[in-house]
Structure formats: structure tokens, C-alpha cells
Amino acid sequence: METEKLKAYFRNDRFANLAGIEIIEVAEGYCKAKLEIEDKHLNSANVVQGGAIFTLADLAFGVASNSRGQLALAVNVNISFMKGKSEGTLFATATELTDPKRIGAYDVLVTDENSEVIARFNGLVYRKNEKHSF
């Protein structure tokens, strides 16, 4: 796996870029990403908006599931929010649970800088025959 090429590919995720999400670690079937909480991420209750947390988890999921070079697209995801957060840093750690040729399962844990669980995301991808250029 060519880590820098994979990171460069996902830098083209314009929505994640708009949110300020950064990929910090990548390995086969694994990704860790972070989001520095800013005022723009807060909802009217002054906690990070669920969509921002979902976007963070989804990017980590996307990177981990595409890390083997085969195009993988989400077919089902679920997120559970455990705790609100108003400041600091959020991390999403995506881990591959299965590595079949077609359907892959992933677990993404969203934590804060104190390792407190903020959300848990589970996702399934369908792997296409198409290969990435990285």
C-alpha cells in the first residue's frame, strides 16, 4: 500500500476538507483521522453537530476500506452518539473486521483527546472490480 498516494486521493474529498478533517494514520484496513472542534462544528445546543461527527467517522471508514487499492463504496452504515462535546479534538479510528473480496465490515470509534467515547460507527462496503490508481 502506498500511504502517501492514498492520503492524496482522499485529500480530494471536498466535504471532509471543508469540515477540517485530517488523516493522521493509515495502514491496510485501518485509518485514524482527526477533527479540531471549531465554532462552525457546533449546533444550537453548543455541542458538535451529529453530521460533523458522522463525516469524521465516514472519512476514516472510507480510507480504511479503500486502503487495499480496490474501490470500495458504502452500502450500509450506522452511528450511535454516546456523548456530546463542545471543544477539543475528536479522533475517528476505523478498523477492518473482515477482508472478503466483495463485502467488507468496519468498526469506527470516535473518541476525544482524553480517549472518551463520543460515538460508534459501523459500516459495510461493497468492493468493486475497479482498482485505484494509487
C-alpha atoms as a PDB file:
ATOM      1  CA  MET A   1       0.000   0.000   0.000  1.00  0.00           C
ATOM      2  CA  GLU A   2       1.265   3.445  -0.889  1.00  0.00           C
ATOM      3  CA  THR A   3       0.234   5.534   2.118  1.00  0.00           C
ATOM      4  CA  GLU A   4       1.001   8.973   0.681  1.00  0.00           C
ATOM      5  CA  LYS A   5      -0.891   8.252  -2.548  1.00  0.00           C
ATOM      6  CA  LEU A   6      -3.895   7.045  -0.545  1.00  0.00           C
ATOM      7  CA  LYS A   7      -3.825  10.194   1.601  1.00  0.00           C
ATOM      8  CA  ALA A   8      -3.528  12.346  -1.532  1.00  0.00           C
ATOM      9  CA  TYR A   9      -6.530  10.578  -3.093  1.00  0.00           C
ATOM     10  CA  PHE A  10      -8.685  11.324  -0.044  1.00  0.00           C
ATOM     11  CA  ARG A  11      -7.488  14.938   0.153  1.00  0.00           C
ATOM     12  CA  ASN A  12      -9.812  15.307  -2.834  1.00  0.00           C
ATOM     13  CA  ASP A  13     -12.800  14.669  -0.510  1.00  0.00           C
ATOM     14  CA  ARG A  14     -14.032  18.224  -0.653  1.00  0.00           C
ATOM     15  CA  PHE A  15     -16.664  17.896   2.072  1.00  0.00           C
ATOM     16  CA  ALA A  16     -14.194  16.422   4.583  1.00  0.00           C
ATOM     17  CA  ASN A  17     -11.758  19.214   3.679  1.00  0.00           C
ATOM     18  CA  LEU A  18     -14.463  21.813   4.245  1.00  0.00           C
ATOM     19  CA  ALA A  19     -15.074  20.307   7.699  1.00  0.00           C
ATOM     20  CA  GLY A  20     -11.345  20.474   8.511  1.00  0.00           C
ATOM     21  CA  ILE A  21     -10.761  16.728   8.869  1.00  0.00           C
ATOM     22  CA  GLU A  22      -7.173  15.471   8.685  1.00  0.00           C
ATOM     23  CA  ILE A  23      -5.960  11.915   8.048  1.00  0.00           C
ATOM     24  CA  ILE A  24      -3.209  11.178  10.576  1.00  0.00           C
ATOM     25  CA  GLU A  25      -2.544   7.405  10.297  1.00  0.00           C
ATOM     26  CA  VAL A  26      -3.142   4.834   7.569  1.00  0.00           C
ATOM     27  CA  ALA A  27      -2.398   1.122   7.222  1.00  0.00           C
ATOM     28  CA  GLU A  28      -4.118  -1.719   5.362  1.00  0.00           C
ATOM     29  CA  GLY A  29      -7.657  -1.896   6.722  1.00  0.00           C
ATOM     30  CA  TYR A  30      -7.028   0.935   9.188  1.00  0.00           C
ATOM     31  CA  CYS A  31      -7.276   4.719   9.390  1.00  0.00           C
ATOM     32  CA  LYS A  32      -7.157   7.346  12.113  1.00  0.00           C
ATOM     33  CA  ALA A  33      -8.450  10.837  11.358  1.00  0.00           C
ATOM     34  CA  LYS A  34      -8.938  13.928  13.491  1.00  0.00           C
ATOM     35  CA  LEU A  35     -11.129  16.981  13.731  1.00  0.00           C
ATOM     36  CA  GLU A  36     -10.179  20.049  15.753  1.00  0.00           C
ATOM     37  CA  ILE A  37     -13.514  21.323  17.066  1.00  0.00           C
ATOM     38  CA  GLU A  38     -14.303  24.860  15.911  1.00  0.00           C
ATOM     39  CA  ASP A  39     -17.347  27.061  16.387  1.00  0.00           C
ATOM     40  CA  LYS A  40     -18.592  26.082  12.907  1.00  0.00           C
ATOM     41  CA  HIS A  41     -18.950  22.445  14.079  1.00  0.00           C
ATOM     42  CA  LEU A  42     -21.355  23.294  16.923  1.00  0.00           C
ATOM     43  CA  ASN A  43     -25.124  23.003  16.755  1.00  0.00           C
ATOM     44  CA  SER A  44     -27.660  25.196  18.565  1.00  0.00           C
ATOM     45  CA  ALA A  45     -27.122  23.169  21.778  1.00  0.00           C
ATOM     46  CA  ASN A  46     -23.405  24.134  21.609  1.00  0.00           C
ATOM     47  CA  VAL A  47     -22.176  20.575  21.055  1.00  0.00           C
ATOM     48  CA  VAL A  48     -20.606  19.141  17.903  1.00  0.00           C
ATOM     49  CA  GLN A  49     -23.304  18.603  15.307  1.00  0.00           C
ATOM     50  CA  GLY A  50     -24.019  14.930  14.549  1.00  0.00           C
ATOM     51  CA  GLY A  51     -23.275  15.441  10.873  1.00  0.00           C
ATOM     52  CA  ALA A  52     -19.746  16.634  11.682  1.00  0.00           C
ATOM     53  CA  ILE A  53     -19.107  13.529  13.799  1.00  0.00           C
ATOM     54  CA  PHE A  54     -20.586  11.331  11.063  1.00  0.00           C
ATOM     55  CA  THR A  55     -18.380  12.984   8.425  1.00  0.00           C
ATOM     56  CA  LEU A  56     -15.268  12.358  10.547  1.00  0.00           C
ATOM     57  CA  ALA A  57     -16.188   8.686  11.049  1.00  0.00           C
ATOM     58  CA  ASP A  58     -17.189   8.279   7.396  1.00  0.00           C
ATOM     59  CA  LEU A  59     -13.864   9.595   6.115  1.00  0.00           C
ATOM     60  CA  ALA A  60     -11.888   7.202   8.349  1.00  0.00           C
ATOM     61  CA  PHE A  61     -14.173   4.371   7.181  1.00  0.00           C
ATOM     62  CA  GLY A  62     -13.666   5.332   3.533  1.00  0.00           C
ATOM     63  CA  VAL A  63      -9.885   5.466   3.817  1.00  0.00           C
ATOM     64  CA  ALA A  64      -9.643   2.161   5.713  1.00  0.00           C
ATOM     65  CA  SER A  65     -11.966   0.370   3.299  1.00  0.00           C
ATOM     66  CA  ASN A  66     -10.129   1.626   0.205  1.00  0.00           C
ATOM     67  CA  SER A  67      -6.631   1.069   1.612  1.00  0.00           C
ATOM     68  CA  ARG A  68      -6.116  -2.222  -0.252  1.00  0.00           C
ATOM     69  CA  GLY A  69      -6.362  -0.482  -3.619  1.00  0.00           C
ATOM     70  CA  GLN A  70      -9.775  -1.842  -4.627  1.00  0.00           C
ATOM     71  CA  LEU A  71     -12.629   0.670  -4.989  1.00  0.00           C
ATOM     72  CA  ALA A  72     -14.959   0.206  -2.003  1.00  0.00           C
ATOM     73  CA  LEU A  73     -18.272   2.029  -1.629  1.00  0.00           C
ATOM     74  CA  ALA A  74     -20.517   2.150   1.437  1.00  0.00           C
ATOM     75  CA  VAL A  75     -23.705   0.081   1.288  1.00  0.00           C
ATOM     76  CA  ASN A  76     -24.813   0.413   4.923  1.00  0.00           C
ATOM     77  CA  VAL A  77     -23.710   2.488   7.908  1.00  0.00           C
ATOM     78  CA  ASN A  78     -24.969   3.060  11.426  1.00  0.00           C
ATOM     79  CA  ILE A  79     -23.827   5.548  14.037  1.00  0.00           C
ATOM     80  CA  SER A  80     -24.650   5.817  17.730  1.00  0.00           C
ATOM     81  CA  PHE A  81     -23.834   9.017  19.599  1.00  0.00           C
ATOM     82  CA  MET A  82     -22.688   8.428  23.185  1.00  0.00           C
ATOM     83  CA  LYS A  83     -21.620  11.830  24.476  1.00  0.00           C
ATOM     84  CA  GLY A  84     -21.696  15.478  23.438  1.00  0.00           C
ATOM     85  CA  LYS A  85     -18.516  17.514  23.054  1.00  0.00           C
ATOM     86  CA  SER A  86     -18.079  21.282  22.693  1.00  0.00           C
ATOM     87  CA  GLU A  87     -14.326  21.797  22.428  1.00  0.00           C
ATOM     88  CA  GLY A  88     -11.075  19.952  21.921  1.00  0.00           C
ATOM     89  CA  THR A  89     -10.209  17.314  19.353  1.00  0.00           C
ATOM     90  CA  LEU A  90     -12.115  14.334  18.011  1.00  0.00           C
ATOM     91  CA  PHE A  91     -10.447  11.235  16.589  1.00  0.00           C
ATOM     92  CA  ALA A  92     -12.046   8.542  14.431  1.00  0.00           C
ATOM     93  CA  THR A  93     -10.262   5.183  14.357  1.00  0.00           C
ATOM     94  CA  ALA A  94     -11.506   2.793  11.669  1.00  0.00           C
ATOM     95  CA  THR A  95     -10.642  -0.896  11.883  1.00  0.00           C
ATOM     96  CA  GLU A  96     -11.357  -3.607   9.351  1.00  0.00           C
ATOM     97  CA  LEU A  97     -13.334  -6.522  10.801  1.00  0.00           C
ATOM     98  CA  THR A  98     -13.422  -8.681   7.657  1.00  0.00           C
ATOM     99  CA  ASP A  99     -11.459  -8.723   4.409  1.00  0.00           C
ATOM    100  CA  PRO A 100     -13.550 -10.648   1.908  1.00  0.00           C
ATOM    101  CA  LYS A 101     -13.382  -9.948  -1.810  1.00  0.00           C
ATOM    102  CA  ARG A 102     -16.785  -8.210  -2.036  1.00  0.00           C
ATOM    103  CA  ILE A 103     -18.389  -7.144   1.280  1.00  0.00           C
ATOM    104  CA  GLY A 104     -16.173  -5.629   3.976  1.00  0.00           C
ATOM    105  CA  ALA A 105     -17.176  -4.789   7.556  1.00  0.00           C
ATOM    106  CA  TYR A 106     -15.622  -1.932   9.561  1.00  0.00           C
ATOM    107  CA  ASP A 107     -15.879  -0.523  13.066  1.00  0.00           C
ATOM    108  CA  VAL A 108     -15.120   3.150  13.717  1.00  0.00           C
ATOM    109  CA  LEU A 109     -14.712   4.502  17.223  1.00  0.00           C
ATOM    110  CA  VAL A 110     -14.901   8.282  17.670  1.00  0.00           C
ATOM    111  CA  THR A 111     -13.099   9.479  20.792  1.00  0.00           C
ATOM    112  CA  ASP A 112     -11.900  12.761  22.225  1.00  0.00           C
ATOM    113  CA  GLU A 113      -8.401  13.794  23.309  1.00  0.00           C
ATOM    114  CA  ASN A 114      -8.997  12.016  26.659  1.00  0.00           C
ATOM    115  CA  SER A 115      -9.980   8.737  24.928  1.00  0.00           C
ATOM    116  CA  GLU A 116     -13.620   9.147  25.980  1.00  0.00           C
ATOM    117  CA  VAL A 117     -16.019   7.528  23.513  1.00  0.00           C
ATOM    118  CA  ILE A 118     -18.141  10.099  21.682  1.00  0.00           C
ATOM    119  CA  ALA A 119     -19.699   7.842  19.013  1.00  0.00           C
ATOM    120  CA  ARG A 120     -19.517   4.389  17.468  1.00  0.00           C
ATOM    121  CA  PHE A 121     -19.960   3.866  13.712  1.00  0.00           C
ATOM    122  CA  ASN A 122     -20.309   0.540  11.904  1.00  0.00           C
ATOM    123  CA  GLY A 123     -20.186   0.219   8.145  1.00  0.00           C
ATOM    124  CA  LEU A 124     -20.313  -2.244   5.284  1.00  0.00           C
ATOM    125  CA  VAL A 125     -18.732  -1.670   1.896  1.00  0.00           C
ATOM    126  CA  TYR A 126     -19.109  -3.320  -1.471  1.00  0.00           C
ATOM    127  CA  ARG A 127     -15.785  -3.798  -3.215  1.00  0.00           C
ATOM    128  CA  LYS A 128     -15.956  -3.253  -6.955  1.00  0.00           C
ATOM    129  CA  ASN A 129     -13.636  -4.842  -9.509  1.00  0.00           C
ATOM    130  CA  GLU A 130     -12.214  -1.386 -10.175  1.00  0.00           C
ATOM    131  CA  LYS A 131      -8.716  -0.695  -8.843  1.00  0.00           C
ATOM    132  CA  HIS A 132      -7.440   2.656  -7.603  1.00  0.00           C
ATOM    133  CA  SER A 133      -4.547   4.394  -9.310  1.00  0.00           C
ATOM    134  CA  PHE A 134      -2.586   4.800  -6.055  1.00  0.00           C
END
